[in-house]
C-alpha atoms as a PDB file:
ATOM      1  CA  MET A   1     -18.419  96.879  90.797  1.00  0.00           C
ATOM      2  CA  LYS A   2     -19.663  98.761  92.441  1.00  0.00           C
ATOM      3  CA  ILE A   3     -20.722 102.172  90.222  1.00  0.00           C
ATOM      4  CA  SER A   4     -19.014 104.544  92.905  1.00  0.00           C
ATOM      5  CA  GLU A   5     -15.700 102.438  91.951  1.00  0.00           C
ATOM      6  CA  ILE A   6     -16.191 102.574  88.313  1.00  0.00           C
ATOM      7  CA  LEU A   7     -16.565 106.721  88.415  1.00  0.00           C
ATOM      8  CA  LEU A   8     -13.633 106.407  90.787  1.00  0.00           C
ATOM      9  CA  LEU A   9     -10.556 105.356  87.846  1.00  0.00           C
ATOM     10  CA  ASP A  10     -11.770 108.388  86.036  1.00  0.00           C
ATOM     11  CA  PHE A  11     -11.706 110.798  89.201  1.00  0.00           C
ATOM     12  CA  ASP A  12      -8.345 109.898  90.269  1.00  0.00           C
ATOM     13  CA  LYS A  13      -6.942 110.072  86.425  1.00  0.00           C
ATOM     14  CA  GLU A  14      -9.120 113.635  85.933  1.00  0.00           C
ATOM     15  CA  ILE A  15      -7.993 115.317  89.417  1.00  0.00           C
ATOM     16  CA  GLU A  16      -4.348 114.538  88.365  1.00  0.00           C
ATOM     17  CA  ASN A  17      -5.158 115.912  85.083  1.00  0.00           C
ATOM     18  CA  ASN A  18      -5.811 118.626  86.584  1.00  0.00           C
ATOM     19  CA  ARG A  19      -3.240 119.117  89.013  1.00  0.00           C
ATOM     20  CA  ARG A  20      -0.665 118.729  86.484  1.00  0.00           C
ATOM     21  CA  THR A  21      -2.363 121.536  84.864  1.00  0.00           C
ATOM     22  CA  LEU A  22      -2.471 123.734  87.851  1.00  0.00           C
ATOM     23  CA  GLU A  23       1.223 122.965  88.374  1.00  0.00           C
ATOM     24  CA  ARG A  24       2.550 124.579  85.385  1.00  0.00           C
ATOM     25  CA  VAL A  25       0.535 127.842  85.797  1.00  0.00           C
ATOM     26  CA  PRO A  26       3.257 130.073  86.689  1.00  0.00           C
ATOM     27  CA  ASP A  27       3.295 131.325  89.468  1.00  0.00           C
ATOM     28  CA  ASP A  28       4.374 135.141  88.867  1.00  0.00           C
ATOM     29  CA  ILE A  29       1.063 135.578  86.841  1.00  0.00           C
ATOM     30  CA  ASP A  30       0.102 138.763  89.195  1.00  0.00           C
ATOM     31  CA  SER A  31       0.781 141.079  86.017  1.00  0.00           C
ATOM     32  CA  ILE A  32      -1.048 138.338  83.765  1.00  0.00           C
ATOM     33  CA  THR A  33      -4.514 136.959  86.390  1.00  0.00           C
ATOM     34  CA  ASN A  34      -6.549 139.119  84.478  1.00  0.00           C
ATOM     35  CA  TRP A  35      -5.746 138.551  81.225  1.00  0.00           C
ATOM     36  CA  LYS A  36      -8.041 137.537  79.025  1.00  0.00           C
ATOM     37  CA  PRO A  37      -7.858 135.875  75.245  1.00  0.00           C
ATOM     38  CA  HIS A  38     -10.514 136.902  74.248  1.00  0.00           C
ATOM     39  CA  GLU A  39     -13.602 139.225  75.422  1.00  0.00           C
ATOM     40  CA  LYS A  40     -15.825 136.621  76.445  1.00  0.00           C
ATOM     41  CA  SER A  41     -12.956 134.763  78.330  1.00  0.00           C
ATOM     42  CA  MET A  42     -12.984 133.807  81.934  1.00  0.00           C
ATOM     43  CA  ALA A  43      -9.458 135.494  83.035  1.00  0.00           C
ATOM     44  CA  PHE A  44      -6.197 133.567  83.802  1.00  0.00           C
ATOM     45  CA  GLY A  45      -6.314 134.129  87.084  1.00  0.00           C
ATOM     46  CA  ARG A  46     -10.503 133.367  88.120  1.00  0.00           C
ATOM     47  CA  LEU A  47     -10.149 130.332  85.141  1.00  0.00           C
ATOM     48  CA  ALA A  48      -6.784 128.286  87.193  1.00  0.00           C
ATOM     49  CA  MET A  49      -8.970 128.564  90.712  1.00  0.00           C
ATOM     50  CA  HIS A  50     -12.317 127.213  89.455  1.00  0.00           C
ATOM     51  CA  CYS A  51     -10.184 124.512  87.803  1.00  0.00           C
ATOM     52  CA  ALA A  52      -8.947 124.217  91.471  1.00  0.00           C
ATOM     53  CA  THR A  53     -12.308 124.660  93.059  1.00  0.00           C
ATOM     54  CA  ILE A  54     -14.545 122.458  90.977  1.00  0.00           C
ATOM     55  CA  PRO A  55     -14.293 118.869  92.819  1.00  0.00           C
ATOM     56  CA  LEU A  56     -16.200 121.103  95.378  1.00  0.00           C
ATOM     57  CA  PHE A  57     -19.253 120.425  92.417  1.00  0.00           C
ATOM     58  CA  GLY A  58     -18.787 117.381  92.344  1.00  0.00           C
ATOM     59  CA  HIS A  59     -19.256 116.838  96.107  1.00  0.00           C
ATOM     60  CA  TYR A  60     -22.641 119.050  96.411  1.00  0.00           C
ATOM     61  CA  ILE A  61     -24.306 116.591  93.314  1.00  0.00           C
ATOM     62  CA  LEU A  62     -23.478 113.662  95.837  1.00  0.00           C
ATOM     63  CA  GLU A  63     -23.911 115.306  99.236  1.00  0.00           C
ATOM     64  CA  ASP A  64     -26.577 116.836  98.415  1.00  0.00           C
ATOM     65  CA  ASP A  65     -30.339 116.455  96.799  1.00  0.00           C
ATOM     66  CA  SER A  66     -30.658 118.626  94.098  1.00  0.00           C
ATOM     67  CA  MET A  67     -29.259 122.365  93.766  1.00  0.00           C
ATOM     68  CA  ASP A  68     -31.181 125.898  92.682  1.00  0.00           C
ATOM     69  CA  MET A  69     -28.572 128.058  91.519  1.00  0.00           C
ATOM     70  CA  ALA A  70     -31.625 130.883  91.534  1.00  0.00           C
ATOM     71  CA  ALA A  71     -31.526 129.887  95.602  1.00  0.00           C
ATOM     72  CA  PRO A  72     -27.846 127.986  96.432  1.00  0.00           C
ATOM     73  CA  THR A  73     -27.461 126.758  99.520  1.00  0.00           C
ATOM     74  CA  ARG A  74     -23.954 126.422  98.996  1.00  0.00           C
ATOM     75  CA  PRO A  75     -21.356 128.755  99.412  1.00  0.00           C
ATOM     76  CA  HIS A  76     -19.928 130.273  96.160  1.00  0.00           C
ATOM     77  CA  PHE A  77     -16.027 128.720  95.288  1.00  0.00           C
ATOM     78  CA  ALA A  78     -13.503 131.284  96.271  1.00  0.00           C
ATOM     79  CA  LEU A  79     -12.371 131.918  92.508  1.00  0.00           C
ATOM     80  CA  GLU A  80      -9.248 134.669  93.677  1.00  0.00           C
ATOM     81  CA  TRP A  81      -5.832 133.972  91.977  1.00  0.00           C
ATOM     82  CA  LYS A  82      -3.434 134.221  95.043  1.00  0.00           C
ATOM     83  CA  GLY A  83      -0.415 131.857  93.612  1.00  0.00           C
ATOM     84  CA  ARG A  84       0.006 128.350  91.722  1.00  0.00           C
ATOM     85  CA  GLY A  85       0.500 127.189  95.762  1.00  0.00           C
ATOM     86  CA  HIS A  86      -2.981 128.258  96.479  1.00  0.00           C
ATOM     87  CA  ALA A  87      -4.313 126.645  93.831  1.00  0.00           C
ATOM     88  CA  VAL A  88      -2.989 123.197  93.984  1.00  0.00           C
ATOM     89  CA  ALA A  89      -3.637 123.343  97.822  1.00  0.00           C
ATOM     90  CA  ALA A  90      -7.564 124.509  97.144  1.00  0.00           C
ATOM     91  CA  LEU A  91      -7.465 121.055  94.649  1.00  0.00           C
ATOM     92  CA  ASP A  92      -6.401 119.002  97.024  1.00  0.00           C
ATOM     93  CA  ASP A  93      -8.962 119.885 100.174  1.00  0.00           C
ATOM     94  CA  ALA A  94     -11.434 119.941  97.018  1.00  0.00           C
ATOM     95  CA  ALA A  95     -11.006 117.334  95.576  1.00  0.00           C
ATOM     96  CA  GLN A  96     -10.246 114.597  99.116  1.00  0.00           C
ATOM     97  CA  LYS A  97     -14.121 116.177  99.773  1.00  0.00           C
ATOM     98  CA  CYS A  98     -15.070 114.675  96.659  1.00  0.00           C
ATOM     99  CA  ARG A  99     -13.493 111.539  97.029  1.00  0.00           C
ATOM    100  CA  ASN A 100     -13.859 111.074 100.416  1.00  0.00           C
ATOM    101  CA  SER A 101     -18.384 111.473  99.159  1.00  0.00           C
ATOM    102  CA  LEU A 102     -17.463 109.267  96.187  1.00  0.00           C
ATOM    103  CA  VAL A 103     -16.117 106.841  98.014  1.00  0.00           C
ATOM    104  CA  ASN A 104     -18.745 106.487 100.921  1.00  0.00           C
ATOM    105  CA  ALA A 105     -21.764 106.806  97.870  1.00  0.00           C
ATOM    106  CA  SER A 106     -24.126 103.698  97.553  1.00  0.00           C
ATOM    107  CA  ASP A 107     -25.434 102.466  94.269  1.00  0.00           C
ATOM    108  CA  LYS A 108     -28.871 103.066  95.453  1.00  0.00           C
ATOM    109  CA  ALA A 109     -27.598 106.812  96.125  1.00  0.00           C
ATOM    110  CA  LEU A 110     -26.198 107.265  92.717  1.00  0.00           C
ATOM    111  CA  GLU A 111     -29.415 105.849  91.069  1.00  0.00           C
ATOM    112  CA  THR A 112     -31.188 107.982  92.485  1.00  0.00           C
ATOM    113  CA  PRO A 113     -32.466 111.927  90.753  1.00  0.00           C
ATOM    114  CA  TRP A 114     -30.548 114.660  91.299  1.00  0.00           C
ATOM    115  CA  ARG A 115     -32.223 118.107  90.201  1.00  0.00           C
ATOM    116  CA  PHE A 116     -30.005 120.543  89.204  1.00  0.00           C
ATOM    117  CA  SER A 117     -31.654 124.113  88.062  1.00  0.00           C
ATOM    118  CA  PHE A 118     -32.218 127.539  88.015  1.00  0.00           C
ATOM    119  CA  GLY A 119     -35.699 128.255  89.810  1.00  0.00           C
ATOM    120  CA  GLU A 120     -38.431 126.766  87.746  1.00  0.00           C
ATOM    121  CA  HIS A 121     -36.141 125.371  85.419  1.00  0.00           C
ATOM    122  CA  VAL A 122     -34.822 122.671  84.876  1.00  0.00           C
ATOM    123  CA  ILE A 123     -30.758 121.889  83.609  1.00  0.00           C
ATOM    124  CA  GLY A 124     -30.561 118.471  84.344  1.00  0.00           C
ATOM    125  CA  ASN A 125     -33.145 115.823  86.462  1.00  0.00           C
ATOM    126  CA  ALA A 126     -31.236 112.240  85.840  1.00  0.00           C
ATOM    127  CA  PRO A 127     -29.702 109.771  88.033  1.00  0.00           C
ATOM    128  CA  ARG A 128     -26.542 111.451  90.484  1.00  0.00           C
ATOM    129  CA  ALA A 129     -24.272 109.227  88.673  1.00  0.00           C
ATOM    130  CA  ALA A 130     -25.190 110.698  85.219  1.00  0.00           C
ATOM    131  CA  MET A 131     -24.982 113.888  86.835  1.00  0.00           C
ATOM    132  CA  PHE A 132     -21.882 113.619  88.427  1.00  0.00           C
ATOM    133  CA  ARG A 133     -20.415 112.869  84.721  1.00  0.00           C
ATOM    134  CA  GLY A 134     -22.301 115.096  82.694  1.00  0.00           C
ATOM    135  CA  LEU A 135     -21.349 118.748  85.271  1.00  0.00           C
ATOM    136  CA  PHE A 136     -18.752 117.958  87.203  1.00  0.00           C
ATOM    137  CA  PHE A 137     -16.847 115.238  84.859  1.00  0.00           C
ATOM    138  CA  ASP A 138     -17.543 117.137  82.101  1.00  0.00           C
ATOM    139  CA  HIS A 139     -17.098 120.419  83.120  1.00  0.00           C
ATOM    140  CA  MET A 140     -14.068 119.956  84.911  1.00  0.00           C
ATOM    141  CA  ILE A 141     -12.462 118.808  81.674  1.00  0.00           C
ATOM    142  CA  HIS A 142     -13.699 121.571  79.414  1.00  0.00           C
ATOM    143  CA  HIS A 143     -11.866 123.927  81.630  1.00  0.00           C
ATOM    144  CA  VAL A 144      -8.554 122.141  82.329  1.00  0.00           C
ATOM    145  CA  ALA A 145      -8.010 121.641  78.785  1.00  0.00           C
ATOM    146  CA  GLN A 146      -9.181 125.530  78.688  1.00  0.00           C
ATOM    147  CA  LEU A 147      -6.662 126.255  81.357  1.00  0.00           C
ATOM    148  CA  GLY A 148      -4.023 124.390  78.682  1.00  0.00           C
ATOM    149  CA  VAL A 149      -4.618 126.739  76.110  1.00  0.00           C
ATOM    150  CA  TYR A 150      -3.709 129.832  77.402  1.00  0.00           C
ATOM    151  CA  LEU A 151      -0.675 128.207  78.965  1.00  0.00           C
ATOM    152  CA  ARG A 152      -0.133 127.718  74.983  1.00  0.00           C
ATOM    153  CA  LEU A 153      -0.751 131.032  74.163  1.00  0.00           C
END
């Protein structure tokens, strides 16, 4: 079994978890779009859109040789809340791009080191598959769970 086939098993499951959570966000959250459970927390609408667009980060890990957050070559994600339908559509688009990149990733590419940094500060430098798991999967799971907590409050 190829590395990408193993990662796809988790990918499909976690994207479905993300979708189910986004589908539960009230469409009329305009009044609470900027609500935060704590002053250090991300605002509700921004968090929902972050969950929707985070698969683009996985796509970038698979497509780019490295990423330097101090000199980004990719645009920042659009995190403005425009309703549940917009968020689910953004997830669909981002997930399809990421999934296509994963399907097409060779074992050699996934075994190649991928560097994530902020200028000279190296945040991570490990095989692309490990960076994909740690920086994309773990990051998405964390924020989708956080969004689930917001929905319960």
